[in-house]
Amino acid sequence: MSAKNAKFSNNTLKIIEELTNGVKQASEEIKEKATKYEKALQELQKIDESKLTKANN
């Protein structure tokens, strides 16, 4: 039986909606944090590269 054709009670539908919204929100938060960490890592790599360049000169 597909989810489309399934008969859910209003309460079950509310729970499904809340879970779906929670997953979407968590996904957005994870994406934001991943972006912040990625930018921070890029900055650290720039610092590391500049130190290596100075050390080799």
C-alpha atoms as a PDB file:
ATOM      1  CA  MET A   1       0.000   0.000   0.000  1.00  0.00           C
ATOM      2  CA  SER A   2       1.512   3.323  -1.014  1.00  0.00           C
ATOM      3  CA  ALA A   3       1.654   6.265   1.363  1.00  0.00           C
ATOM      4  CA  LYS A   4      -0.500   8.282  -1.049  1.00  0.00           C
ATOM      5  CA  ASN A   5      -3.374   5.847  -0.810  1.00  0.00           C
ATOM      6  CA  ALA A   6      -2.995   5.099   2.892  1.00  0.00           C
ATOM      7  CA  LYS A   7      -5.658   6.407   5.243  1.00  0.00           C
ATOM      8  CA  PHE A   8      -4.023   8.242   8.123  1.00  0.00           C
ATOM      9  CA  SER A   9      -5.826   9.849  11.031  1.00  0.00           C
ATOM     10  CA  ASN A  10      -5.507  13.617  11.462  1.00  0.00           C
ATOM     11  CA  ASN A  11      -3.280  13.044  14.482  1.00  0.00           C
ATOM     12  CA  THR A  12      -0.976  10.767  12.500  1.00  0.00           C
ATOM     13  CA  LEU A  13      -0.817  13.316   9.680  1.00  0.00           C
ATOM     14  CA  LYS A  14       0.109  16.037  12.191  1.00  0.00           C
ATOM     15  CA  ILE A  15       2.880  13.858  13.599  1.00  0.00           C
ATOM     16  CA  ILE A  16       4.185  13.122  10.094  1.00  0.00           C
ATOM     17  CA  GLU A  17       4.138  16.842   9.276  1.00  0.00           C
ATOM     18  CA  GLU A  18       5.967  17.727  12.511  1.00  0.00           C
ATOM     19  CA  LEU A  19       8.598  15.075  11.848  1.00  0.00           C
ATOM     20  CA  THR A  20       9.028  16.242   8.260  1.00  0.00           C
ATOM     21  CA  ASN A  21       9.416  19.853   9.370  1.00  0.00           C
ATOM     22  CA  GLY A  22      11.880  18.823  12.066  1.00  0.00           C
ATOM     23  CA  VAL A  23      13.982  16.909   9.562  1.00  0.00           C
ATOM     24  CA  LYS A  24      13.947  19.869   7.144  1.00  0.00           C
ATOM     25  CA  GLN A  25      15.013  22.260   9.911  1.00  0.00           C
ATOM     26  CA  ALA A  26      17.773  19.933  11.097  1.00  0.00           C
ATOM     27  CA  SER A  27      18.977  19.553   7.517  1.00  0.00           C
ATOM     28  CA  GLU A  28      19.188  23.333   7.089  1.00  0.00           C
ATOM     29  CA  GLU A  29      21.084  23.684  10.374  1.00  0.00           C
ATOM     30  CA  ILE A  30      23.549  20.987   9.323  1.00  0.00           C
ATOM     31  CA  LYS A  31      24.080  22.702   5.954  1.00  0.00           C
ATOM     32  CA  GLU A  32      24.736  26.041   7.689  1.00  0.00           C
ATOM     33  CA  LYS A  33      27.239  24.491  10.090  1.00  0.00           C
ATOM     34  CA  ALA A  34      28.964  22.583   7.298  1.00  0.00           C
ATOM     35  CA  THR A  35      29.324  25.832   5.345  1.00  0.00           C
ATOM     36  CA  LYS A  36      30.801  27.596   8.386  1.00  0.00           C
ATOM     37  CA  TYR A  37      33.266  24.763   8.998  1.00  0.00           C
ATOM     38  CA  GLU A  38      34.208  24.683   5.323  1.00  0.00           C
ATOM     39  CA  LYS A  39      34.928  28.433   5.344  1.00  0.00           C
ATOM     40  CA  ALA A  40      36.914  28.125   8.571  1.00  0.00           C
ATOM     41  CA  LEU A  41      38.951  25.286   7.101  1.00  0.00           C
ATOM     42  CA  GLN A  42      39.678  27.348   3.986  1.00  0.00           C
ATOM     43  CA  GLU A  43      40.923  30.200   6.180  1.00  0.00           C
ATOM     44  CA  LEU A  44      43.165  27.817   8.129  1.00  0.00           C
ATOM     45  CA  GLN A  45      44.558  26.446   4.876  1.00  0.00           C
ATOM     46  CA  LYS A  46      45.337  29.999   3.698  1.00  0.00           C
ATOM     47  CA  ILE A  47      47.188  30.702   6.954  1.00  0.00           C
ATOM     48  CA  ASP A  48      49.092  27.416   6.684  1.00  0.00           C
ATOM     49  CA  GLU A  49      50.015  28.130   3.053  1.00  0.00           C
ATOM     50  CA  SER A  50      51.242  31.628   3.893  1.00  0.00           C
ATOM     51  CA  LYS A  51      53.453  30.243   6.678  1.00  0.00           C
ATOM     52  CA  LEU A  52      54.876  27.646   4.283  1.00  0.00           C
ATOM     53  CA  THR A  53      55.558  30.337   1.693  1.00  0.00           C
ATOM     54  CA  LYS A  54      57.337  32.520   4.270  1.00  0.00           C
ATOM     55  CA  ALA A  55      59.337  29.548   5.562  1.00  0.00           C
ATOM     56  CA  ASN A  56      60.574  28.702   2.062  1.00  0.00           C
ATOM     57  CA  ASN A  57      61.717  32.270   1.268  1.00  0.00           C
END
